């Protein structure tokens, strides 16, 4: 299965996502903030990343923009508790593969990840 980076400053969100992804056989790499996520995306040979939009150190969109500027092209799903249509459009324009608003259904997240990994 895939190696997936889950970056969120909320331990409960990371645990929820990790458990659901591991139940599908995926390996999960965790990051608690933006700088750690940035490094993991560079160094951990991940197949997909799930980034919280608002993390300490660097926002999810900043991590995404840095990866894209460095030629790192794996799929990235942004999570956000902010219900802002402009943020969604901007994130997709910047190279996000998908954008999911919190609270979210773990089953929906898993379905979207399955689709992205199959592309």
PDB file of N, CA and C in Angstrom:
ATOM      1  N   UNK A   1       0.831  -1.178   0.000  1.00  0.00           N
ATOM      2  CA  UNK A   1       0.000   0.000   0.000  1.00  0.00           C
ATOM      3  C   UNK A   1       0.880   1.247   0.000  1.00  0.00           C
ATOM      4  N   UNK A   2       0.297   2.383   0.297  1.00  0.00           N
ATOM      5  CA  UNK A   2       0.995   3.658   0.175  1.00  0.00           C
ATOM      6  C   UNK A   2       1.588   4.126   1.503  1.00  0.00           C
ATOM      7  N   UNK A   3       2.564   5.001   1.372  1.00  0.00           N
ATOM      8  CA  UNK A   3       3.157   5.690   2.525  1.00  0.00           C
ATOM      9  C   UNK A   3       2.577   7.102   2.519  1.00  0.00           C
ATOM     10  N   UNK A   4       1.839   7.453   3.575  1.00  0.00           N
ATOM     11  CA  UNK A   4       1.079   8.701   3.606  1.00  0.00           C
ATOM     12  C   UNK A   4       1.532   9.564   4.778  1.00  0.00           C
ATOM     13  N   UNK A   5       1.821  10.821   4.474  1.00  0.00           N
ATOM     14  CA  UNK A   5       2.173  11.805   5.488  1.00  0.00           C
ATOM     15  C   UNK A   5       0.891  12.448   6.003  1.00  0.00           C
ATOM     16  N   UNK A   6       0.711  12.430   7.312  1.00  0.00           N
ATOM     17  CA  UNK A   6      -0.427  13.092   7.956  1.00  0.00           C
ATOM     18  C   UNK A   6       0.139  14.191   8.852  1.00  0.00           C
ATOM     19  N   UNK A   7      -0.114  15.445   8.461  1.00  0.00           N
ATOM     20  CA  UNK A   7       0.422  16.592   9.194  1.00  0.00           C
ATOM     21  C   UNK A   7      -0.722  17.430   9.743  1.00  0.00           C
ATOM     22  N   UNK A   8      -0.834  17.448  11.051  1.00  0.00           N
ATOM     23  CA  UNK A   8      -1.875  18.222  11.730  1.00  0.00           C
ATOM     24  C   UNK A   8      -1.398  18.472  13.149  1.00  0.00           C
ATOM     25  N   UNK A   9      -1.610  19.667  13.667  1.00  0.00           N
ATOM     26  CA  UNK A   9      -1.186  19.958  15.035  1.00  0.00           C
ATOM     27  C   UNK A   9      -2.114  19.342  16.075  1.00  0.00           C
ATOM     28  N   UNK A  10      -3.250  18.818  15.646  1.00  0.00           N
ATOM     29  CA  UNK A  10      -4.182  18.154  16.559  1.00  0.00           C
ATOM     30  C   UNK A  10      -3.859  16.653  16.632  1.00  0.00           C
ATOM     31  N   UNK A  11      -3.453  16.215  17.820  1.00  0.00           N
ATOM     32  CA  UNK A  11      -3.135  14.797  18.003  1.00  0.00           C
ATOM     33  C   UNK A  11      -4.350  13.917  17.731  1.00  0.00           C
ATOM     34  N   UNK A  12      -5.542  14.382  18.092  1.00  0.00           N
ATOM     35  CA  UNK A  12      -6.742  13.561  17.889  1.00  0.00           C
ATOM     36  C   UNK A  12      -7.053  13.400  16.396  1.00  0.00           C
ATOM     37  N   UNK A  13      -6.836  14.438  15.593  1.00  0.00           N
ATOM     38  CA  UNK A  13      -7.049  14.324  14.140  1.00  0.00           C
ATOM     39  C   UNK A  13      -6.022  13.363  13.550  1.00  0.00           C
ATOM     40  N   UNK A  14      -4.743  13.520  13.941  1.00  0.00           N
ATOM     41  CA  UNK A  14      -3.710  12.620  13.426  1.00  0.00           C
ATOM     42  C   UNK A  14      -4.030  11.175  13.767  1.00  0.00           C
ATOM     43  N   UNK A  15      -4.455  10.927  14.995  1.00  0.00           N
ATOM     44  CA  UNK A  15      -4.765   9.563  15.418  1.00  0.00           C
ATOM     45  C   UNK A  15      -5.951   9.003  14.633  1.00  0.00           C
ATOM     46  N   UNK A  16      -7.009   9.790  14.481  1.00  0.00           N
ATOM     47  CA  UNK A  16      -8.182   9.357  13.727  1.00  0.00           C
ATOM     48  C   UNK A  16      -7.802   8.981  12.292  1.00  0.00           C
ATOM     49  N   UNK A  17      -7.090   9.876  11.625  1.00  0.00           N
ATOM     50  CA  UNK A  17      -6.704   9.623  10.232  1.00  0.00           C
ATOM     51  C   UNK A  17      -5.757   8.436  10.154  1.00  0.00           C
ATOM     52  N   UNK A  18      -4.786   8.385  11.057  1.00  0.00           N
ATOM     53  CA  UNK A  18      -3.822   7.285  11.064  1.00  0.00           C
ATOM     54  C   UNK A  18      -4.511   5.935  11.208  1.00  0.00           C
ATOM     55  N   UNK A  19      -5.428   5.826  12.149  1.00  0.00           N
ATOM     56  CA  UNK A  19      -6.123   4.543  12.362  1.00  0.00           C
ATOM     57  C   UNK A  19      -6.888   4.101  11.115  1.00  0.00           C
ATOM     58  N   UNK A  20      -7.567   5.049  10.477  1.00  0.00           N
ATOM     59  CA  UNK A  20      -8.339   4.698   9.281  1.00  0.00           C
ATOM     60  C   UNK A  20      -7.431   4.323   8.112  1.00  0.00           C
ATOM     61  N   UNK A  21      -6.340   5.024   7.958  1.00  0.00           N
ATOM     62  CA  UNK A  21      -5.422   4.701   6.867  1.00  0.00           C
ATOM     63  C   UNK A  21      -4.721   3.370   7.110  1.00  0.00           C
ATOM     64  N   UNK A  22      -4.305   3.128   8.342  1.00  0.00           N
ATOM     65  CA  UNK A  22      -3.652   1.864   8.660  1.00  0.00           C
ATOM     66  C   UNK A  22      -4.605   0.685   8.502  1.00  0.00           C
ATOM     67  N   UNK A  23      -5.894   0.903   8.742  1.00  0.00           N
ATOM     68  CA  UNK A  23      -6.858  -0.189   8.565  1.00  0.00           C
ATOM     69  C   UNK A  23      -6.963  -0.599   7.098  1.00  0.00           C
ATOM     70  N   UNK A  24      -6.569   0.299   6.192  1.00  0.00           N
ATOM     71  CA  UNK A  24      -6.530  -0.016   4.761  1.00  0.00           C
ATOM     72  C   UNK A  24      -5.151  -0.493   4.322  1.00  0.00           C
ATOM     73  N   UNK A  25      -4.232  -0.644   5.275  1.00  0.00           N
ATOM     74  CA  UNK A  25      -2.910  -1.165   4.968  1.00  0.00           C
ATOM     75  C   UNK A  25      -1.857  -0.126   4.632  1.00  0.00           C
ATOM     76  N   UNK A  26      -2.174   1.144   4.777  1.00  0.00           N
ATOM     77  CA  UNK A  26      -1.211   2.193   4.473  1.00  0.00           C
ATOM     78  C   UNK A  26      -0.242   2.389   5.638  1.00  0.00           C
ATOM     79  N   UNK A  27       0.959   2.823   5.312  1.00  0.00           N
ATOM     80  CA  UNK A  27       1.931   3.230   6.314  1.00  0.00           C
ATOM     81  C   UNK A  27       1.770   4.733   6.515  1.00  0.00           C
ATOM     82  N   UNK A  28       1.813   5.190   7.764  1.00  0.00           N
ATOM     83  CA  UNK A  28       1.574   6.601   8.065  1.00  0.00           C
ATOM     84  C   UNK A  28       2.812   7.220   8.710  1.00  0.00           C
ATOM     85  N   UNK A  29       3.209   8.355   8.162  1.00  0.00           N
ATOM     86  CA  UNK A  29       4.253   9.196   8.731  1.00  0.00           C
ATOM     87  C   UNK A  29       3.538  10.406   9.318  1.00  0.00           C
ATOM     88  N   UNK A  30       3.852  10.771  10.561  1.00  0.00           N
ATOM     89  CA  UNK A  30       3.156  11.882  11.212  1.00  0.00           C
ATOM     90  C   UNK A  30       4.049  13.110  11.344  1.00  0.00           C
ATOM     91  N   UNK A  31       3.407  14.278  11.260  1.00  0.00           N
ATOM     92  CA  UNK A  31       4.084  15.546  11.506  1.00  0.00           C
ATOM     93  C   UNK A  31       3.161  16.425  12.334  1.00  0.00           C
ATOM     94  N   UNK A  32       3.725  17.144  13.296  1.00  0.00           N
ATOM     95  CA  UNK A  32       2.923  17.951  14.218  1.00  0.00           C
ATOM     96  C   UNK A  32       2.894  19.431  13.852  1.00  0.00           C
ATOM     97  N   UNK A  33       3.720  19.828  12.878  1.00  0.00           N
ATOM     98  CA  UNK A  33       3.758  21.230  12.477  1.00  0.00           C
ATOM     99  C   UNK A  33       4.252  21.351  11.034  1.00  0.00           C
ATOM    100  N   UNK A  34       4.215  22.572  10.522  1.00  0.00           N
ATOM    101  CA  UNK A  34       4.592  22.798   9.137  1.00  0.00           C
ATOM    102  C   UNK A  34       6.038  22.464   8.803  1.00  0.00           C
ATOM    103  N   UNK A  35       7.016  22.923   9.595  1.00  0.00           N
ATOM    104  CA  UNK A  35       8.399  22.599   9.276  1.00  0.00           C
ATOM    105  C   UNK A  35       8.687  21.086   9.271  1.00  0.00           C
ATOM    106  N   UNK A  36       8.075  20.361  10.214  1.00  0.00           N
ATOM    107  CA  UNK A  36       8.262  18.909  10.249  1.00  0.00           C
ATOM    108  C   UNK A  36       7.628  18.262   9.018  1.00  0.00           C
ATOM    109  N   UNK A  37       6.455  18.747   8.615  1.00  0.00           N
ATOM    110  CA  UNK A  37       5.802  18.234   7.402  1.00  0.00           C
ATOM    111  C   UNK A  37       6.647  18.513   6.169  1.00  0.00           C
ATOM    112  N   UNK A  38       7.190  19.713   6.082  1.00  0.00           N
ATOM    113  CA  UNK A  38       8.028  20.083   4.942  1.00  0.00           C
ATOM    114  C   UNK A  38       9.203  19.123   4.815  1.00  0.00           C
ATOM    115  N   UNK A  39       9.889  18.879   5.916  1.00  0.00           N
ATOM    116  CA  UNK A  39      11.036  17.966   5.910  1.00  0.00           C
ATOM    117  C   UNK A  39      10.622  16.542   5.571  1.00  0.00           C
ATOM    118  N   UNK A  40       9.504  16.083   6.125  1.00  0.00           N
ATOM    119  CA  UNK A  40       9.041  14.716   5.865  1.00  0.00           C
ATOM    120  C   UNK A  40       8.706  14.523   4.394  1.00  0.00           C
ATOM    121  N   UNK A  41       8.091  15.524   3.781  1.00  0.00           N
ATOM    122  CA  UNK A  41       7.774  15.426   2.362  1.00  0.00           C
ATOM    123  C   UNK A  41       9.007  15.357   1.491  1.00  0.00           C
ATOM    124  N   UNK A  42      10.069  15.951   1.962  1.00  0.00           N
ATOM    125  CA  UNK A  42      11.338  15.918   1.232  1.00  0.00           C
ATOM    126  C   UNK A  42      12.090  14.612   1.458  1.00  0.00           C
ATOM    127  N   UNK A  43      12.019  14.083   2.676  1.00  0.00           N
ATOM    128  CA  UNK A  43      12.928  13.013   3.096  1.00  0.00           C
ATOM    129  C   UNK A  43      12.302  11.637   3.277  1.00  0.00           C
ATOM    130  N   UNK A  44      11.003  11.530   3.382  1.00  0.00           N
ATOM    131  CA  UNK A  44      10.375  10.275   3.794  1.00  0.00           C
ATOM    132  C   UNK A  44       9.813   9.433   2.654  1.00  0.00           C
ATOM    133  N   UNK A  45      10.001   9.826   1.413  1.00  0.00           N
ATOM    134  CA  UNK A  45       9.531   9.056   0.267  1.00  0.00           C
ATOM    135  C   UNK A  45       8.036   8.721   0.392  1.00  0.00           C
ATOM    136  N   UNK A  46       7.217   9.768   0.581  1.00  0.00           N
ATOM    137  CA  UNK A  46       5.784   9.572   0.734  1.00  0.00           C
ATOM    138  C   UNK A  46       5.096   9.543  -0.630  1.00  0.00           C
ATOM    139  N   UNK A  47       3.953   8.887  -0.667  1.00  0.00           N
ATOM    140  CA  UNK A  47       3.153   8.774  -1.892  1.00  0.00           C
ATOM    141  C   UNK A  47       2.043   9.813  -1.942  1.00  0.00           C
ATOM    142  N   UNK A  48       1.666  10.340  -0.772  1.00  0.00           N
ATOM    143  CA  UNK A  48       0.573  11.303  -0.664  1.00  0.00           C
ATOM    144  C   UNK A  48       0.706  11.999   0.681  1.00  0.00           C
ATOM    145  N   UNK A  49       0.274  13.260   0.739  1.00  0.00           N
ATOM    146  CA  UNK A  49       0.304  13.995   2.008  1.00  0.00           C
ATOM    147  C   UNK A  49      -1.074  14.572   2.312  1.00  0.00           C
ATOM    148  N   UNK A  50      -1.405  14.557   3.591  1.00  0.00           N
ATOM    149  CA  UNK A  50      -2.609  15.208   4.104  1.00  0.00           C
ATOM    150  C   UNK A  50      -2.111  16.302   5.037  1.00  0.00           C
ATOM    151  N   UNK A  51      -2.383  17.558   4.668  1.00  0.00           N
ATOM    152  CA  UNK A  51      -1.871  18.699   5.419  1.00  0.00           C
ATOM    153  C   UNK A  51      -2.995  19.525   6.009  1.00  0.00           C
ATOM    154  N   UNK A  52      -2.882  19.809   7.293  1.00  0.00           N
ATOM    155  CA  UNK A  52      -3.774  20.776   7.917  1.00  0.00           C
ATOM    156  C   UNK A  52      -3.413  22.150   7.371  1.00  0.00           C
ATOM    157  N   UNK A  53      -4.406  22.951   7.088  1.00  0.00           N
ATOM    158  CA  UNK A  53      -4.164  24.284   6.543  1.00  0.00           C
ATOM    159  C   UNK A  53      -3.510  25.203   7.574  1.00  0.00           C
ATOM    160  N   UNK A  54      -3.921  25.103   8.841  1.00  0.00           N
ATOM    161  CA  UNK A  54      -3.402  25.988   9.882  1.00  0.00           C
ATOM    162  C   UNK A  54      -2.569  25.198  10.882  1.00  0.00           C
ATOM    163  N   UNK A  55      -1.258  25.149  10.626  1.00  0.00           N
ATOM    164  CA  UNK A  55      -0.326  24.466  11.516  1.00  0.00           C
ATOM    165  C   UNK A  55       0.701  25.470  12.028  1.00  0.00           C
ATOM    166  N   UNK A  56       1.285  25.204  13.194  1.00  0.00           N
ATOM    167  CA  UNK A  56       2.356  26.063  13.681  1.00  0.00           C
ATOM    168  C   UNK A  56       3.565  26.022  12.745  1.00  0.00           C
ATOM    169  N   UNK A  57       4.247  27.142  12.642  1.00  0.00           N
ATOM    170  CA  UNK A  57       5.485  27.202  11.876  1.00  0.00           C
ATOM    171  C   UNK A  57       5.291  27.542  10.417  1.00  0.00           C
ATOM    172  N   UNK A  58       4.497  26.758   9.724  1.00  0.00           N
ATOM    173  CA  UNK A  58       4.162  26.968   8.313  1.00  0.00           C
ATOM    174  C   UNK A  58       2.742  26.482   8.082  1.00  0.00           C
ATOM    175  N   UNK A  59       1.973  27.228   7.335  1.00  0.00           N
ATOM    176  CA  UNK A  59       0.642  26.774   6.962  1.00  0.00           C
ATOM    177  C   UNK A  59       0.768  25.651   5.937  1.00  0.00           C
ATOM    178  N   UNK A  60      -0.279  24.861   5.853  1.00  0.00           N
ATOM    179  CA  UNK A  60      -0.292  23.779   4.874  1.00  0.00           C
ATOM    180  C   UNK A  60      -0.051  24.267   3.455  1.00  0.00           C
ATOM    181  N   UNK A  61      -0.655  25.397   3.089  1.00  0.00           N
ATOM    182  CA  UNK A  61      -0.481  25.939   1.742  1.00  0.00           C
ATOM    183  C   UNK A  61       0.968  26.350   1.506  1.00  0.00           C
ATOM    184  N   UNK A  62       1.654  26.830   2.539  1.00  0.00           N
ATOM    185  CA  UNK A  62       3.070  27.200   2.407  1.00  0.00           C
ATOM    186  C   UNK A  62       3.938  25.972   2.180  1.00  0.00           C
ATOM    187  N   UNK A  63       3.630  24.895   2.890  1.00  0.00           N
ATOM    188  CA  UNK A  63       4.352  23.636   2.694  1.00  0.00           C
ATOM    189  C   UNK A  63       4.138  23.157   1.256  1.00  0.00           C
ATOM    190  N   UNK A  64       2.892  23.167   0.813  1.00  0.00           N
ATOM    191  CA  UNK A  64       2.564  22.749  -0.546  1.00  0.00           C
ATOM    192  C   UNK A  64       3.316  23.585  -1.577  1.00  0.00           C
ATOM    193  N   UNK A  65       3.281  24.905  -1.433  1.00  0.00           N
ATOM    194  CA  UNK A  65       3.951  25.787  -2.393  1.00  0.00           C
ATOM    195  C   UNK A  65       5.458  25.520  -2.445  1.00  0.00           C
ATOM    196  N   UNK A  66       6.055  25.266  -1.281  1.00  0.00           N
ATOM    197  CA  UNK A  66       7.496  24.974  -1.252  1.00  0.00           C
ATOM    198  C   UNK A  66       7.793  23.669  -1.965  1.00  0.00           C
ATOM    199  N   UNK A  67       7.011  22.634  -1.679  1.00  0.00           N
ATOM    200  CA  UNK A  67       7.228  21.364  -2.372  1.00  0.00           C
ATOM    201  C   UNK A  67       7.101  21.532  -3.878  1.00  0.00           C
ATOM    202  N   UNK A  68       6.056  22.211  -4.309  1.00  0.00           N
ATOM    203  CA  UNK A  68       5.837  22.379  -5.751  1.00  0.00           C
ATOM    204  C   UNK A  68       6.984  23.157  -6.386  1.00  0.00           C
ATOM    205  N   UNK A  69       7.494  24.178  -5.694  1.00  0.00           N
ATOM    206  CA  UNK A  69       8.612  24.959  -6.235  1.00  0.00           C
ATOM    207  C   UNK A  69       9.888  24.120  -6.324  1.00  0.00           C
ATOM    208  N   UNK A  70       9.969  23.060  -5.514  1.00  0.00           N
ATOM    209  CA  UNK A  70      11.120  22.162  -5.521  1.00  0.00           C
ATOM    210  C   UNK A  70      10.905  20.959  -6.449  1.00  0.00           C
ATOM    211  N   UNK A  71       9.761  20.912  -7.127  1.00  0.00           N
ATOM    212  CA  UNK A  71       9.481  19.807  -8.040  1.00  0.00           C
ATOM    213  C   UNK A  71       8.930  18.564  -7.377  1.00  0.00           C
ATOM    214  N   UNK A  72       8.500  18.677  -6.128  1.00  0.00           N
ATOM    215  CA  UNK A  72       7.904  17.541  -5.410  1.00  0.00           C
ATOM    216  C   UNK A  72       6.433  17.501  -5.790  1.00  0.00           C
ATOM    217  N   UNK A  73       6.004  16.395  -6.406  1.00  0.00           N
ATOM    218  CA  UNK A  73       4.706  16.380  -7.070  1.00  0.00           C
ATOM    219  C   UNK A  73       3.715  15.310  -6.592  1.00  0.00           C
ATOM    220  N   UNK A  74       3.916  14.688  -5.437  1.00  0.00           N
ATOM    221  CA  UNK A  74       2.918  13.714  -4.995  1.00  0.00           C
ATOM    222  C   UNK A  74       1.609  14.426  -4.659  1.00  0.00           C
ATOM    223  N   UNK A  75       0.482  13.693  -4.658  1.00  0.00           N
ATOM    224  CA  UNK A  75      -0.813  14.321  -4.336  1.00  0.00           C
ATOM    225  C   UNK A  75      -0.836  14.875  -2.909  1.00  0.00           C
ATOM    226  N   UNK A  76      -1.507  16.020  -2.766  1.00  0.00           N
ATOM    227  CA  UNK A  76      -1.630  16.666  -1.462  1.00  0.00           C
ATOM    228  C   UNK A  76      -3.098  17.012  -1.223  1.00  0.00           C
ATOM    229  N   UNK A  77      -3.608  16.570  -0.078  1.00  0.00           N
ATOM    230  CA  UNK A  77      -4.961  16.901   0.360  1.00  0.00           C
ATOM    231  C   UNK A  77      -4.826  17.893   1.505  1.00  0.00           C
ATOM    232  N   UNK A  78      -5.474  19.035   1.373  1.00  0.00           N
ATOM    233  CA  UNK A  78      -5.474  20.023   2.445  1.00  0.00           C
ATOM    234  C   UNK A  78      -6.746  19.872   3.280  1.00  0.00           C
ATOM    235  N   UNK A  79      -6.585  19.937   4.598  1.00  0.00           N
ATOM    236  CA  UNK A  79      -7.701  19.916   5.540  1.00  0.00           C
ATOM    237  C   UNK A  79      -7.812  21.292   6.171  1.00  0.00           C
ATOM    238  N   UNK A  80      -9.032  21.759   6.365  1.00  0.00           N
ATOM    239  CA  UNK A  80      -9.187  23.062   7.014  1.00  0.00           C
ATOM    240  C   UNK A  80     -10.508  23.156   7.755  1.00  0.00           C
ATOM    241  N   UNK A  81     -10.441  23.783   8.902  1.00  0.00           N
ATOM    242  CA  UNK A  81     -11.644  24.085   9.663  1.00  0.00           C
ATOM    243  C   UNK A  81     -12.270  25.400   9.234  1.00  0.00           C
ATOM    244  N   UNK A  82     -11.597  26.100   8.329  1.00  0.00           N
ATOM    245  CA  UNK A  82     -12.087  27.384   7.848  1.00  0.00           C
ATOM    246  C   UNK A  82     -12.959  27.160   6.620  1.00  0.00           C
ATOM    247  N   UNK A  83     -14.191  27.629   6.679  1.00  0.00           N
ATOM    248  CA  UNK A  83     -15.125  27.462   5.562  1.00  0.00           C
ATOM    249  C   UNK A  83     -15.036  28.707   4.672  1.00  0.00           C
ATOM    250  N   UNK A  84     -14.052  28.695   3.783  1.00  0.00           N
ATOM    251  CA  UNK A  84     -13.778  29.852   2.944  1.00  0.00           C
ATOM    252  C   UNK A  84     -13.603  29.396   1.502  1.00  0.00           C
ATOM    253  N   UNK A  85     -14.563  29.717   0.667  1.00  0.00           N
ATOM    254  CA  UNK A  85     -14.538  29.317  -0.738  1.00  0.00           C
ATOM    255  C   UNK A  85     -13.264  29.785  -1.431  1.00  0.00           C
ATOM    256  N   UNK A  86     -12.798  30.982  -1.130  1.00  0.00           N
ATOM    257  CA  UNK A  86     -11.594  31.524  -1.773  1.00  0.00           C
ATOM    258  C   UNK A  86     -10.356  30.708  -1.390  1.00  0.00           C
ATOM    259  N   UNK A  87     -10.291  30.238  -0.152  1.00  0.00           N
ATOM    260  CA  UNK A  87      -9.165  29.416   0.280  1.00  0.00           C
ATOM    261  C   UNK A  87      -9.148  28.091  -0.471  1.00  0.00           C
ATOM    262  N   UNK A  88     -10.313  27.520  -0.692  1.00  0.00           N
ATOM    263  CA  UNK A  88     -10.401  26.265  -1.447  1.00  0.00           C
ATOM    264  C   UNK A  88      -9.883  26.470  -2.863  1.00  0.00           C
ATOM    265  N   UNK A  89     -10.411  27.481  -3.545  1.00  0.00           N
ATOM    266  CA  UNK A  89     -10.012  27.744  -4.932  1.00  0.00           C
ATOM    267  C   UNK A  89      -8.528  28.064  -5.012  1.00  0.00           C
ATOM    268  N   UNK A  90      -8.036  28.891  -4.125  1.00  0.00           N
ATOM    269  CA  UNK A  90      -6.624  29.259  -4.111  1.00  0.00           C
ATOM    270  C   UNK A  90      -5.733  28.032  -3.897  1.00  0.00           C
ATOM    271  N   UNK A  91      -6.127  27.159  -2.972  1.00  0.00           N
ATOM    272  CA  UNK A  91      -5.345  25.953  -2.691  1.00  0.00           C
ATOM    273  C   UNK A  91      -5.284  25.032  -3.901  1.00  0.00           C
ATOM    274  N   UNK A  92      -6.403  24.868  -4.567  1.00  0.00           N
ATOM    275  CA  UNK A  92      -6.424  24.028  -5.765  1.00  0.00           C
ATOM    276  C   UNK A  92      -5.585  24.656  -6.873  1.00  0.00           C
ATOM    277  N   UNK A  93      -5.645  25.963  -7.007  1.00  0.00           N
ATOM    278  CA  UNK A  93      -4.827  26.669  -7.997  1.00  0.00           C
ATOM    279  C   UNK A  93      -3.334  26.525  -7.705  1.00  0.00           C
ATOM    280  N   UNK A  94      -2.984  26.416  -6.429  1.00  0.00           N
ATOM    281  CA  UNK A  94      -1.574  26.291  -6.032  1.00  0.00           C
ATOM    282  C   UNK A  94      -1.048  24.866  -6.158  1.00  0.00           C
ATOM    283  N   UNK A  95      -1.909  23.924  -6.517  1.00  0.00           N
ATOM    284  CA  UNK A  95      -1.428  22.562  -6.730  1.00  0.00           C
ATOM    285  C   UNK A  95      -1.958  21.507  -5.784  1.00  0.00           C
ATOM    286  N   UNK A  96      -2.870  21.880  -4.892  1.00  0.00           N
ATOM    287  CA  UNK A  96      -3.481  20.858  -4.041  1.00  0.00           C
ATOM    288  C   UNK A  96      -4.310  19.919  -4.907  1.00  0.00           C
ATOM    289  N   UNK A  97      -4.285  18.655  -4.568  1.00  0.00           N
ATOM    290  CA  UNK A  97      -5.067  17.663  -5.300  1.00  0.00           C
ATOM    291  C   UNK A  97      -6.511  17.634  -4.846  1.00  0.00           C
ATOM    292  N   UNK A  98      -6.735  17.996  -3.582  1.00  0.00           N
ATOM    293  CA  UNK A  98      -8.075  18.011  -3.023  1.00  0.00           C
ATOM    294  C   UNK A  98      -8.072  18.891  -1.777  1.00  0.00           C
ATOM    295  N   UNK A  99      -9.268  19.254  -1.334  1.00  0.00           N
ATOM    296  CA  UNK A  99      -9.438  20.129  -0.176  1.00  0.00           C
ATOM    297  C   UNK A  99     -10.657  19.628   0.571  1.00  0.00           C
ATOM    298  N   UNK A 100     -10.483  19.339   1.851  1.00  0.00           N
ATOM    299  CA  UNK A 100     -11.580  18.809   2.656  1.00  0.00           C
ATOM    300  C   UNK A 100     -11.764  19.705   3.877  1.00  0.00           C
ATOM    301  N   UNK A 101     -13.000  20.095   4.117  1.00  0.00           N
ATOM    302  CA  UNK A 101     -13.311  20.931   5.285  1.00  0.00           C
ATOM    303  C   UNK A 101     -13.557  20.063   6.521  1.00  0.00           C
ATOM    304  N   UNK A 102     -13.047  20.538   7.653  1.00  0.00           N
ATOM    305  CA  UNK A 102     -13.320  19.890   8.940  1.00  0.00           C
ATOM    306  C   UNK A 102     -14.632  20.433   9.469  1.00  0.00           C
ATOM    307  N   UNK A 103     -15.397  19.639  10.181  1.00  0.00           N
ATOM    308  CA  UNK A 103     -15.198  18.212  10.419  1.00  0.00           C
ATOM    309  C   UNK A 103     -15.458  17.423   9.144  1.00  0.00           C
ATOM    310  N   UNK A 104     -14.807  16.280   9.044  1.00  0.00           N
ATOM    311  CA  UNK A 104     -14.916  15.475   7.832  1.00  0.00           C
ATOM    312  C   UNK A 104     -15.238  14.037   8.210  1.00  0.00           C
ATOM    313  N   UNK A 105     -15.726  13.318   7.250  1.00  0.00           N
ATOM    314  CA  UNK A 105     -16.003  11.897   7.421  1.00  0.00           C
ATOM    315  C   UNK A 105     -14.734  11.115   7.069  1.00  0.00           C
ATOM    316  N   UNK A 106     -14.244  10.267   7.981  1.00  0.00           N
ATOM    317  CA  UNK A 106     -13.064   9.466   7.650  1.00  0.00           C
ATOM    318  C   UNK A 106     -13.277   8.598   6.406  1.00  0.00           C
ATOM    319  N   UNK A 107     -14.499   8.132   6.212  1.00  0.00           N
ATOM    320  CA  UNK A 107     -14.781   7.304   5.041  1.00  0.00           C
ATOM    321  C   UNK A 107     -14.644   8.121   3.754  1.00  0.00           C
ATOM    322  N   UNK A 108     -15.098   9.381   3.789  1.00  0.00           N
ATOM    323  CA  UNK A 108     -14.945  10.249   2.619  1.00  0.00           C
ATOM    324  C   UNK A 108     -13.466  10.521   2.355  1.00  0.00           C
ATOM    325  N   UNK A 109     -12.705  10.797   3.399  1.00  0.00           N
ATOM    326  CA  UNK A 109     -11.269  11.026   3.241  1.00  0.00           C
ATOM    327  C   UNK A 109     -10.604   9.799   2.626  1.00  0.00           C
ATOM    328  N   UNK A 110     -10.932   8.615   3.129  1.00  0.00           N
ATOM    329  CA  UNK A 110     -10.356   7.386   2.582  1.00  0.00           C
ATOM    330  C   UNK A 110     -10.720   7.208   1.112  1.00  0.00           C
ATOM    331  N   UNK A 111     -11.952   7.508   0.738  1.00  0.00           N
ATOM    332  CA  UNK A 111     -12.372   7.372  -0.659  1.00  0.00           C
ATOM    333  C   UNK A 111     -11.593   8.332  -1.553  1.00  0.00           C
ATOM    334  N   UNK A 112     -11.413   9.542  -1.089  1.00  0.00           N
ATOM    335  CA  UNK A 112     -10.666  10.522  -1.888  1.00  0.00           C
ATOM    336  C   UNK A 112      -9.203  10.107  -2.028  1.00  0.00           C
ATOM    337  N   UNK A 113      -8.616   9.577  -0.961  1.00  0.00           N
ATOM    338  CA  UNK A 113      -7.237   9.122  -1.014  1.00  0.00           C
ATOM    339  C   UNK A 113      -7.093   7.942  -1.974  1.00  0.00           C
ATOM    340  N   UNK A 114      -8.022   7.009  -1.905  1.00  0.00           N
ATOM    341  CA  UNK A 114      -8.002   5.870  -2.827  1.00  0.00           C
ATOM    342  C   UNK A 114      -8.026   6.345  -4.277  1.00  0.00           C
ATOM    343  N   UNK A 115      -8.883   7.328  -4.556  1.00  0.00           N
ATOM    344  CA  UNK A 115      -8.966   7.876  -5.918  1.00  0.00           C
ATOM    345  C   UNK A 115      -7.659   8.527  -6.336  1.00  0.00           C
ATOM    346  N   UNK A 116      -7.084   9.332  -5.455  1.00  0.00           N
ATOM    347  CA  UNK A 116      -5.847  10.033  -5.785  1.00  0.00           C
ATOM    348  C   UNK A 116      -4.672   9.066  -5.987  1.00  0.00           C
ATOM    349  N   UNK A 117      -4.608   8.030  -5.188  1.00  0.00           N
ATOM    350  CA  UNK A 117      -3.523   7.060  -5.335  1.00  0.00           C
ATOM    351  C   UNK A 117      -3.663   6.227  -6.601  1.00  0.00           C
ATOM    352  N   UNK A 118      -4.888   6.090  -7.085  1.00  0.00           N
ATOM    353  CA  UNK A 118      -5.118   5.310  -8.314  1.00  0.00           C
ATOM    354  C   UNK A 118      -4.801   6.091  -9.572  1.00  0.00           C
ATOM    355  N   UNK A 119      -4.727   7.422  -9.469  1.00  0.00           N
ATOM    356  CA  UNK A 119      -4.478   8.266 -10.652  1.00  0.00           C
ATOM    357  C   UNK A 119      -3.063   8.149 -11.141  1.00  0.00           C
TER     358      UNK A 119
END
